[in-house]
Protein backbone atom coordinates (compact mmCIF):
# COMPACT_ATOMS: atom_id res chain seq x y z
CA UNK A 1 0.00 0.00 0.00
CA UNK A 2 1.39 3.42 -0.97
CA UNK A 3 1.90 6.18 1.59
CA UNK A 4 -0.90 8.22 -0.04
CA UNK A 5 -3.26 5.27 0.30
CA UNK A 6 -2.18 4.83 3.93
CA UNK A 7 -2.78 8.52 4.65
CA UNK A 8 -6.20 8.32 3.01
CA UNK A 9 -7.15 5.24 5.00
CA UNK A 10 -6.12 7.01 8.19
CA UNK A 11 -9.07 9.34 7.64
CA UNK A 12 -11.80 7.34 9.33
CA UNK A 13 -14.54 9.01 7.31
CA UNK A 14 -12.92 8.60 3.86
CA UNK A 15 -15.00 5.61 2.74
CA UNK A 16 -18.18 7.67 3.05
CA UNK A 17 -17.09 10.40 0.67
CA UNK A 18 -17.02 10.30 -3.11
CA UNK A 19 -14.47 13.06 -3.67
CA UNK A 20 -11.33 14.16 -1.86
CA UNK A 21 -11.17 17.27 0.28
CA UNK A 22 -10.07 20.35 -1.65
CA UNK A 23 -6.61 21.71 -0.99
CA UNK A 24 -8.12 25.01 0.15
CA UNK A 25 -10.28 23.26 2.73
CA UNK A 26 -7.30 21.19 3.86
CA UNK A 27 -5.32 24.32 4.60
CA UNK A 28 -8.31 26.05 6.18
CA UNK A 29 -9.23 23.20 8.53
CA UNK A 30 -5.80 21.76 9.33
CA UNK A 31 -4.24 22.43 12.72
CA UNK A 32 -1.11 20.30 12.60
CA UNK A 33 1.31 23.17 12.21
CA UNK A 34 0.24 24.71 15.50
CA UNK A 35 -1.12 21.79 17.52
CA UNK A 36 1.95 19.60 16.96
CA UNK A 37 3.29 21.06 20.21
CA UNK A 38 0.80 18.69 21.89
CA UNK A 39 2.73 15.64 20.71
CA UNK A 40 4.13 14.66 24.10
CA UNK A 41 0.72 14.94 25.73
CA UNK A 42 -0.83 12.97 22.86
CA UNK A 43 1.66 10.13 23.27
CA UNK A 44 1.31 10.16 27.05
CA UNK A 45 -2.47 9.92 26.81
CA UNK A 46 -2.30 7.19 24.16
CA UNK A 47 0.07 5.06 26.24
CA UNK A 48 -2.20 5.36 29.29
CA UNK A 49 -5.19 4.43 27.12
CA UNK A 50 -3.35 1.42 25.66
CA UNK A 51 -2.30 0.22 29.12
CA UNK A 52 -5.92 0.37 30.27
CA UNK A 53 -7.25 -1.37 27.13
CA UNK A 54 -4.82 -4.25 27.71
CA UNK A 55 -5.67 -4.46 31.41
CA UNK A 56 -9.36 -4.65 30.49
CA UNK A 57 -8.73 -7.34 27.88
CA UNK A 58 -9.91 -5.10 25.05
CA UNK A 59 -6.57 -5.39 23.25
CA UNK A 60 -3.88 -8.01 23.73
CA UNK A 61 -0.71 -7.65 25.71
CA UNK A 62 1.23 -7.95 22.47
CA UNK A 63 -0.72 -5.07 20.96
CA UNK A 64 0.15 -2.95 23.98
CA UNK A 65 3.83 -3.87 23.69
CA UNK A 66 3.82 -3.01 19.99
CA UNK A 67 2.12 0.31 20.70
CA UNK A 68 4.73 1.18 23.33
CA UNK A 69 7.54 0.22 20.96
CA UNK A 70 6.08 2.28 18.14
CA UNK A 71 5.48 5.29 20.37
CA UNK A 72 9.07 5.12 21.62
CA UNK A 73 10.31 5.36 18.05
CA UNK A 74 7.91 8.22 17.24
CA UNK A 75 9.09 10.07 20.34
CA UNK A 76 12.67 9.76 19.16
CA UNK A 77 11.78 10.89 15.65
CA UNK A 78 9.89 13.97 16.82
CA UNK A 79 12.52 14.91 19.38
CA UNK A 80 15.27 14.67 16.76
CA UNK A 81 13.32 16.59 14.12
CA UNK A 82 13.11 13.58 11.77
CA UNK A 83 9.32 13.19 12.02
CA UNK A 84 7.44 14.30 8.90
CA UNK A 85 4.34 16.34 9.75
CA UNK A 86 1.75 16.10 6.96
CA UNK A 87 -0.96 18.61 6.15
CA UNK A 88 -3.11 15.84 4.64
CA UNK A 89 -3.37 14.27 8.10
CA UNK A 90 -4.86 17.47 9.57
CA UNK A 91 -3.62 17.41 13.14
CA UNK A 92 -1.10 16.05 15.61
CA UNK A 93 -3.33 13.12 16.53
CA UNK A 94 -3.79 11.67 13.05
CA UNK A 95 -0.14 12.30 12.16
CA UNK A 96 1.02 10.24 15.13
CA UNK A 97 -1.61 7.54 14.60
CA UNK A 98 -0.71 7.18 10.91
CA UNK A 99 2.98 6.83 11.68
CA UNK A 100 2.23 4.35 14.47
CA UNK A 101 0.16 2.20 12.10
CA UNK A 102 2.92 2.38 9.53
CA UNK A 103 5.41 1.14 12.14
CA UNK A 104 3.40 -1.60 13.89
CA UNK A 105 0.45 -2.40 11.63
CA UNK A 106 -2.98 -3.37 12.99
CA UNK A 107 -2.00 -2.78 16.63
CA UNK A 108 -1.78 0.92 15.76
CA UNK A 109 -5.32 0.85 14.44
CA UNK A 110 -6.59 -0.83 17.62
CA UNK A 111 -5.25 2.00 19.79
CA UNK A 112 -8.24 4.16 18.91
CA UNK A 113 -10.69 1.62 20.35
CA UNK A 114 -13.03 3.25 22.85
CA UNK A 115 -12.00 6.83 22.15
CA UNK A 116 -12.67 9.64 19.69
CA UNK A 117 -10.57 12.55 18.60
CA UNK A 118 -13.03 14.66 20.58
CA UNK A 119 -12.08 13.24 23.97
CA UNK A 120 -8.49 12.68 22.80
CA UNK A 121 -7.85 16.33 22.01
CA UNK A 122 -9.59 17.49 25.17
CA UNK A 123 -7.30 15.23 27.16
CA UNK A 124 -4.17 16.32 25.30
CA UNK A 125 -4.82 20.02 25.84
CA UNK A 126 -5.47 19.48 29.53
CA UNK A 127 -2.28 17.44 29.96
CA UNK A 128 -0.23 20.01 28.08
CA UNK A 129 -1.71 22.96 29.95
CA UNK A 130 -1.17 21.26 33.30
CA UNK A 131 2.56 21.11 32.59
CA UNK A 132 2.64 24.73 31.43
CA UNK A 133 0.85 25.87 34.60
CA UNK A 134 3.54 24.14 36.65
CA UNK A 135 6.25 26.02 34.73
CA UNK A 136 4.41 29.32 35.17
CA UNK A 137 4.19 28.64 38.90
CA UNK A 138 7.98 28.29 39.05
CA UNK A 139 8.45 31.52 37.08
CA UNK A 140 6.12 33.38 39.42
CA UNK A 141 8.23 32.20 42.35
CA UNK A 142 11.37 33.53 40.67
CA UNK A 143 9.76 36.90 40.00
CA UNK A 144 8.54 37.20 43.59
CA UNK A 145 12.02 36.35 44.86
CA UNK A 146 13.51 39.04 42.63
CA UNK A 147 11.07 41.60 44.00
CA UNK A 148 11.81 40.49 47.56
CA UNK A 149 15.52 40.94 46.95
CA UNK A 150 14.97 44.51 45.76
CA UNK A 151 12.63 45.18 48.68
CA UNK A 152 15.10 43.84 51.25
CA UNK A 153 17.86 46.14 49.92
CA UNK A 154 15.67 49.25 49.96
CA UNK A 155 13.54 49.01 53.10
CA UNK A 156 14.78 52.38 54.37
CA UNK A 157 14.58 54.19 51.03
CA UNK A 158 11.76 56.74 51.02
CA UNK A 159 9.52 56.83 47.95
CA UNK A 160 6.66 59.30 47.45
CA UNK A 161 3.49 57.26 47.51
CA UNK A 162 1.01 58.53 44.94
CA UNK A 163 -2.73 58.71 44.59
CA UNK A 164 -4.07 60.25 41.37
CA UNK A 165 -0.36 60.40 40.43
CA UNK A 166 0.09 63.17 42.99
CA UNK A 167 2.35 62.93 46.02
CA UNK A 168 0.24 61.54 48.85
CA UNK A 169 2.35 60.06 51.68
CA UNK A 170 5.91 58.77 52.05
CA UNK A 171 6.34 55.01 51.82
CA UNK A 172 9.24 52.62 51.98
CA UNK A 173 10.40 51.61 48.49
CA UNK A 174 10.64 48.08 49.85
CA UNK A 175 7.00 48.33 50.90
CA UNK A 176 6.10 49.41 47.37
CA UNK A 177 7.85 46.37 45.89
CA UNK A 178 5.98 44.10 48.30
CA UNK A 179 2.70 45.29 46.82
CA UNK A 180 3.68 43.48 43.61
CA UNK A 181 4.77 40.41 45.58
CA UNK A 182 1.22 40.30 46.95
CA UNK A 183 -0.25 40.60 43.45
CA UNK A 184 1.90 37.84 42.00
CA UNK A 185 1.25 35.60 45.02
CA UNK A 186 -2.48 35.87 44.27
CA UNK A 187 -1.76 35.05 40.64
CA UNK A 188 0.04 31.91 41.78
CA UNK A 189 -2.99 30.95 43.88
CA UNK A 190 -5.29 31.43 40.88
CA UNK A 191 -3.13 29.24 38.66
CA UNK A 192 -3.15 26.54 41.36
CA UNK A 193 -6.94 26.62 41.31
CA UNK A 194 -7.04 26.53 37.50
CA UNK A 195 -4.65 23.55 37.54
CA UNK A 196 -6.97 21.64 39.84
CA UNK A 197 -9.91 22.03 37.45
CA UNK A 198 -7.73 21.42 34.39
CA UNK A 199 -6.44 18.16 35.84
CA UNK A 200 -9.59 16.14 35.07
CA UNK A 201 -9.85 13.33 32.55
CA UNK A 202 -12.19 13.57 29.51
CA UNK A 203 -10.78 10.40 27.87
CA UNK A 204 -13.41 7.68 27.68
CA UNK A 205 -16.21 10.12 26.85
CA UNK A 206 -15.55 9.16 23.20
CA UNK A 207 -17.35 11.32 20.64
CA UNK A 208 -20.05 12.57 23.02
CA UNK A 209 -22.02 9.68 24.55
CA UNK A 210 -19.41 7.43 26.12
CA UNK A 211 -18.59 3.99 24.73
CA UNK A 212 -19.83 0.41 24.85
CA UNK A 213 -16.36 -0.92 25.68
CA UNK A 214 -15.69 -1.72 29.37
CA UNK A 215 -13.20 1.10 29.92
CA UNK A 216 -11.64 1.81 33.31
CA UNK A 217 -11.46 5.59 33.13
CA UNK A 218 -10.30 5.94 36.73
CA UNK A 219 -7.30 3.73 35.94
CA UNK A 220 -6.32 6.06 33.09
CA UNK A 221 -6.73 9.08 35.37
CA UNK A 222 -4.42 7.54 37.96
CA UNK A 223 -1.85 6.66 35.29
CA UNK A 224 -1.86 10.25 34.01
CA UNK A 225 -1.71 11.78 37.49
CA UNK A 226 -5.19 13.23 37.16
CA UNK A 227 -5.96 12.81 40.83
CA UNK A 228 -6.83 15.12 43.71
CA UNK A 229 -4.82 15.79 46.86
CA UNK A 230 -6.10 12.54 48.38
CA UNK A 231 -5.12 10.52 45.30
CA UNK A 232 -8.73 10.09 44.16
CA UNK A 233 -9.05 9.99 40.34
CA UNK A 234 -10.54 13.15 38.79
CA UNK A 235 -12.71 12.11 35.85
CA UNK A 236 -15.12 14.30 33.87
CA UNK A 237 -18.49 12.89 34.87
CA UNK A 238 -20.65 13.83 31.89
CA UNK A 239 -19.55 12.68 28.44
CA UNK A 240 -21.21 15.59 26.63
CA UNK A 241 -19.54 18.16 28.84
CA UNK A 242 -16.23 16.29 28.83
CA UNK A 243 -15.65 16.71 25.08
CA UNK A 244 -17.07 20.23 24.72
CA UNK A 245 -15.89 21.97 27.90
CA UNK A 246 -13.25 24.66 27.46
CA UNK A 247 -13.81 26.38 30.80
CA UNK A 248 -10.31 25.40 31.85
CA UNK A 249 -8.78 27.23 28.88
CA UNK A 250 -10.89 30.32 29.53
CA UNK A 251 -10.06 30.23 33.25
CA UNK A 252 -6.38 29.91 32.49
CA UNK A 253 -6.47 32.83 30.07
CA UNK A 254 -8.39 34.90 32.63
CA UNK A 255 -5.74 34.16 35.26
CA UNK A 256 -3.02 34.95 32.72
CA UNK A 257 -4.75 38.23 31.85
CA UNK A 258 -4.80 39.29 35.50
CA UNK A 259 -1.15 38.35 35.86
CA UNK A 260 -0.28 40.40 32.78
CA UNK A 261 -2.30 43.32 34.15
CA UNK A 262 -0.08 43.21 37.24
CA UNK A 263 2.97 43.12 34.99
CA UNK A 264 1.55 46.07 33.06
CA UNK A 265 1.01 48.14 36.21
CA UNK A 266 4.59 47.48 37.27
CA UNK A 267 5.73 48.32 33.73
CA UNK A 268 3.93 51.65 33.81
CA UNK A 269 5.70 52.58 37.03
CA UNK A 270 9.09 51.52 35.70
CA UNK A 271 8.53 53.66 32.59
CA UNK A 272 7.56 56.68 34.70
CA UNK A 273 10.34 56.20 37.24
CA UNK A 274 12.98 55.88 34.51
CA UNK A 275 11.94 59.10 32.77
CA UNK A 276 14.02 62.23 33.33
CA UNK A 277 11.03 63.90 35.00
CA UNK A 278 11.23 61.32 37.80
CA UNK A 279 14.76 59.91 37.67
CA UNK A 280 13.97 57.38 40.40
CA UNK A 281 15.61 54.38 38.74
CA UNK A 282 17.89 53.25 35.95
CA UNK A 283 17.21 50.08 34.00
CA UNK A 284 20.27 48.12 32.88
CA UNK A 285 21.30 48.74 29.28
CA UNK A 286 20.62 45.14 28.29
CA UNK A 287 16.88 45.77 28.83
CA UNK A 288 16.73 49.08 26.94
CA UNK A 289 17.26 50.40 23.41
CA UNK A 290 18.38 53.65 21.86
CA UNK A 291 16.80 55.96 19.34
CA UNK A 292 17.56 55.91 15.62
CA UNK A 293 17.64 59.70 15.54
CA UNK A 294 18.15 60.99 19.11
CA UNK A 295 21.49 59.79 20.51
CA UNK A 296 20.69 60.83 24.08
CA UNK A 297 17.71 58.49 24.40
CA UNK A 298 17.56 55.26 26.40
CA UNK A 299 14.13 53.71 25.99
CA UNK A 300 12.49 51.25 28.43
CA UNK A 301 11.43 48.85 25.67
CA UNK A 302 10.92 45.78 27.86
CA UNK A 303 8.32 47.30 30.21
CA UNK A 304 6.69 49.16 27.33
CA UNK A 305 6.36 46.00 25.26
CA UNK A 306 5.06 44.03 28.24
CA UNK A 307 2.44 46.73 28.72
CA UNK A 308 1.45 46.25 25.08
CA UNK A 309 1.45 42.46 25.26
CA UNK A 310 -1.04 42.67 28.11
CA UNK A 311 -3.64 43.82 25.60
CA UNK A 312 -2.79 40.86 23.43
CA UNK A 313 -3.44 38.38 26.25
CA UNK A 314 -6.64 40.10 27.33
CA UNK A 315 -7.73 39.95 23.69
CA UNK A 316 -7.20 36.18 23.69
CA UNK A 317 -9.48 35.93 26.73
CA UNK A 318 -12.22 37.83 24.90
CA UNK A 319 -11.68 35.62 21.85
CA UNK A 320 -12.08 32.39 23.82
CA UNK A 321 -15.21 33.58 25.60
CA UNK A 322 -16.73 34.63 22.28
CA UNK A 323 -15.69 31.31 20.72
CA UNK A 324 -17.70 29.34 23.28
CA UNK A 325 -20.75 31.54 23.76
CA UNK A 326 -22.82 30.22 20.83
CA UNK A 327 -21.90 26.54 20.77
CA UNK A 328 -24.55 23.91 21.35
CA UNK A 329 -23.54 20.59 22.88
CA UNK A 330 -21.42 18.72 22.19
CA UNK A 331 -18.16 19.11 20.23
CA UNK A 332 -18.02 21.54 17.32
CA UNK A 333 -15.22 22.36 14.89
CA UNK A 334 -15.18 25.89 16.38
CA UNK A 335 -13.16 24.42 19.23
CA UNK A 336 -10.14 24.04 16.99
CA UNK A 337 -9.83 27.81 17.39
CA UNK A 338 -9.16 27.46 21.13
CA UNK A 339 -5.55 26.39 20.67
CA UNK A 340 -3.76 29.30 19.03
CA UNK A 341 -4.96 31.91 21.56
CA UNK A 342 -4.24 29.50 24.41
CA UNK A 343 -0.77 28.64 23.08
CA UNK A 344 0.08 32.29 22.48
CA UNK A 345 -1.14 33.25 25.95
CA UNK A 346 1.12 30.63 27.53
CA UNK A 347 4.12 31.69 25.43
CA UNK A 348 3.62 35.40 26.08
CA UNK A 349 3.17 34.97 29.82
CA UNK A 350 6.17 32.67 30.24
CA UNK A 351 8.46 34.93 28.22
CA UNK A 352 7.30 38.01 30.12
CA UNK A 353 7.76 36.43 33.55
CA UNK A 354 11.25 35.20 32.62
CA UNK A 355 12.48 38.56 31.41
CA UNK A 356 10.93 40.49 34.31
CA UNK A 357 12.50 38.19 36.89
CA UNK A 358 15.89 38.91 35.33
CA UNK A 359 15.25 42.61 34.81
CA UNK A 360 14.09 43.13 38.41
CA UNK A 361 16.52 40.78 40.12
CA UNK A 362 19.53 41.07 37.84
CA UNK A 363 21.88 38.27 36.95
CA UNK A 364 25.17 36.80 38.12
CA UNK A 365 28.21 37.77 36.07
CA UNK A 366 29.87 34.44 35.14
CA UNK A 367 33.30 36.10 34.99
CA UNK A 368 33.22 37.80 38.40
CA UNK A 369 30.50 35.89 40.21
CA UNK A 370 29.03 39.26 41.26
CA UNK A 371 25.30 39.99 41.12
CA UNK A 372 24.50 42.63 38.52
CA UNK A 373 21.17 44.24 39.27
CA UNK A 374 18.76 44.99 36.47
CA UNK A 375 17.43 48.07 38.25
CA UNK A 376 19.44 50.76 40.06
CA UNK A 377 17.56 52.87 42.59
CA UNK A 378 18.21 56.61 42.99
CA UNK A 379 17.27 56.98 46.67
CA UNK A 380 18.10 60.69 46.78
CA UNK A 381 15.80 61.53 43.88
CA UNK A 382 12.97 59.57 45.50
CA UNK A 383 13.36 61.35 48.83
CA UNK A 384 13.59 64.78 47.21
CA UNK A 385 10.37 64.05 45.30
CA UNK A 386 8.63 63.05 48.53
CA UNK A 387 9.43 66.50 49.94
CA UNK A 388 7.66 68.30 47.11
CA UNK A 389 4.08 67.34 47.75
CA UNK A 390 3.49 67.97 51.46
CA UNK A 391 3.49 64.23 52.01
CA UNK A 392 3.36 64.56 55.81
CA UNK A 393 0.15 66.64 55.90
CA UNK A 394 -1.85 63.62 57.11
CA UNK A 395 0.71 63.13 59.88
CA UNK A 396 0.06 66.66 61.11
CA UNK A 397 -3.68 65.94 61.10
CA UNK A 398 -3.10 62.74 63.10
CA UNK A 399 -0.91 64.72 65.51
CA UNK A 400 -3.75 67.19 66.18
CA UNK A 401 -6.26 64.34 66.62
CA UNK A 402 -4.01 62.88 69.32
CA UNK A 403 -4.12 66.33 70.96
CA UNK A 404 -7.91 66.05 71.17
CA UNK A 405 -9.07 67.72 67.96
CA UNK A 406 -11.80 65.95 65.92
CA UNK A 407 -10.33 64.61 62.67
CA UNK A 408 -12.47 66.78 60.39
CA UNK A 409 -11.38 69.90 62.29
CA UNK A 410 -7.77 68.71 62.17
CA UNK A 411 -8.12 68.16 58.43
CA UNK A 412 -9.34 71.75 57.96
CA UNK A 413 -6.56 73.15 60.14
CA UNK A 414 -3.85 71.33 58.18
CA UNK A 415 -5.33 72.54 54.89
CA UNK A 416 -4.72 76.11 56.05
CA UNK A 417 -1.19 75.20 57.13
CA UNK A 418 -0.46 73.67 53.72
CA UNK A 419 -1.83 76.76 52.03
CA UNK A 420 0.60 78.88 54.05
CA UNK A 421 3.51 76.58 53.20
CA UNK A 422 2.62 76.80 49.51
CA UNK A 423 2.54 80.60 49.64
CA UNK A 424 5.96 80.65 51.34
CA UNK A 425 7.27 77.92 48.95
CA UNK A 426 8.47 75.74 51.82
CA UNK A 427 7.64 72.30 53.18
CA UNK A 428 5.41 71.95 56.24
CA UNK A 429 8.43 70.89 58.25
CA UNK A 430 10.12 74.18 57.31
CA UNK A 431 7.38 76.42 58.73
CA UNK A 432 8.47 78.00 62.03
CA UNK A 433 6.79 76.68 65.18
CA UNK A 434 5.26 80.09 65.84
CA UNK A 435 3.55 80.03 62.42
CA UNK A 436 2.24 76.51 62.98
CA UNK A 437 0.86 77.51 66.39
CA UNK A 438 -1.20 80.22 64.70
CA UNK A 439 -3.27 77.44 63.19
CA UNK A 440 -3.68 75.61 66.49
CA UNK A 441 -2.07 76.46 69.86
CA UNK A 442 -1.82 72.77 70.80
CA UNK A 443 1.02 72.33 68.32
CA UNK A 444 4.34 71.99 70.16
CA UNK A 445 7.97 71.56 69.12
CA UNK A 446 7.62 67.75 69.00
CA UNK A 447 5.56 68.29 65.83
CA UNK A 448 8.75 68.39 63.79
CA UNK A 449 9.39 64.73 64.57
CA UNK A 450 5.99 64.02 63.06
CA UNK A 451 6.53 66.22 60.02
CA UNK A 452 9.76 64.53 58.94
CA UNK A 453 9.59 61.94 56.19
CA UNK A 454 11.22 59.29 58.37
CA UNK A 455 8.97 60.12 61.26
CA UNK A 456 5.98 59.62 59.02
CA UNK A 457 7.40 56.33 57.76
CA UNK A 458 8.09 54.88 61.21
CA UNK A 459 4.72 56.05 62.58
CA UNK A 460 2.86 53.56 60.37
CA UNK A 461 3.84 50.61 62.50
CA UNK A 462 0.68 48.59 61.92
CA UNK A 463 0.24 45.23 60.21
CA UNK A 464 0.48 45.90 56.49
CA UNK A 465 1.92 49.37 57.07
CA UNK A 466 5.00 50.98 55.58
CA UNK A 467 7.09 51.23 58.77
CA UNK A 468 10.47 49.58 58.10
CA UNK A 469 9.92 47.12 60.95
CA UNK A 470 6.67 45.99 59.35
CA UNK A 471 8.26 45.78 55.91
CA UNK A 472 11.05 43.56 57.22
CA UNK A 473 8.48 41.30 58.90
CA UNK A 474 6.58 40.99 55.62
CA UNK A 475 9.78 40.22 53.70
CA UNK A 476 10.55 37.44 56.20
CA UNK A 477 7.04 35.98 55.81
CA UNK A 478 7.18 35.99 52.02
CA UNK A 479 10.70 34.59 52.01
CA UNK A 480 9.58 31.70 54.20
CA UNK A 481 6.53 31.12 51.99
CA UNK A 482 8.66 30.87 48.87
CA UNK A 483 11.43 28.75 50.42
């Protein structure tokens, strides 16, 4: 039998049709050139299915051995780049099945007993995504560690905290970095939850209604590690839902979108802080580019591009939701369109997390063994900026409240004091005591301890506050969590 005849026979529906599929339709409907990345998951699922079929007496032990031998050779061929992917065979599943049948004969044809491409592809995508989620979890740990390292080295650096992009109150730069640690820790929690719902077995649902063969689906789930924390197999319970559900892909892309939004917020701050108008940080040259016309420019391309790629990932989320919204049960060809947005979301998120972990945390110079930071902090510029916006005004109000003044009255009093400081072009801490006492006679000379930036910082010694002692406690907690 020629290879063309073999390829044609591998199409299970070919005997029903009186004319071949047009080349245009082949190209339009084929997915092999993007879903071939599922090959490892496809082989893993097939081997678990074959082991179960043999255990149930549905195929012989020899068939199983032949299938394992054939799959071992296919694995080697794909890994080495020798495997020939064929458009005529549509997708990764039929390409592997056709090659398996070519290698081992009828045993390869028996592998598909009790399953359909519908439950096969649903299983493959879940297995693949499970592994990618695990990798993303590791990358999130690395990024959090990088942020913690920066935070630990800059606990006592004063940064102007902003609301409405106006100076509000002084905060520890380390405290500011910990805000992103919190965000990325929640992202990690979300991915853990998504993994739990992804790690459920559709295989055995067949096309949509289950199968008449005596399959042991729980055995396959155990073989593939699709079990809960107690080791109980996680199997999709309804065959219709099993083959048509893409909630897990949408959930993953939603979690990825949130994670990228956090990256984008950090990116926006890095872009602002690096600008000459702020001058708070410098980003290492290896993460920036120059201008083709302006030789003085150093552009923060990495954070800017990450900010842009966030829209790309959020767009994939919208695409997947729209893809599913009009589909009746059960499987429809529409679902082929779930893979490219899902694959691109995974790739974009992984690449972004990798580069941000290095950009934030730096890298070790192999020649010197020294740590080269990706970000250099200009502590003086940060502190000078914090002095410009009357950042300790709230501290003066709190001071008056502790002297017995109602907060609203204290708020009004401080507003007048700030107005006076503005007119004299000085900071609140630079107003003479006599002038401050004109606003309220209860103000005494100890007020200047309150009005200093460091006094303000240390005063917020409450759980979750910006006092250096609290920041160091939080760094210790996060470090222990990530150990």
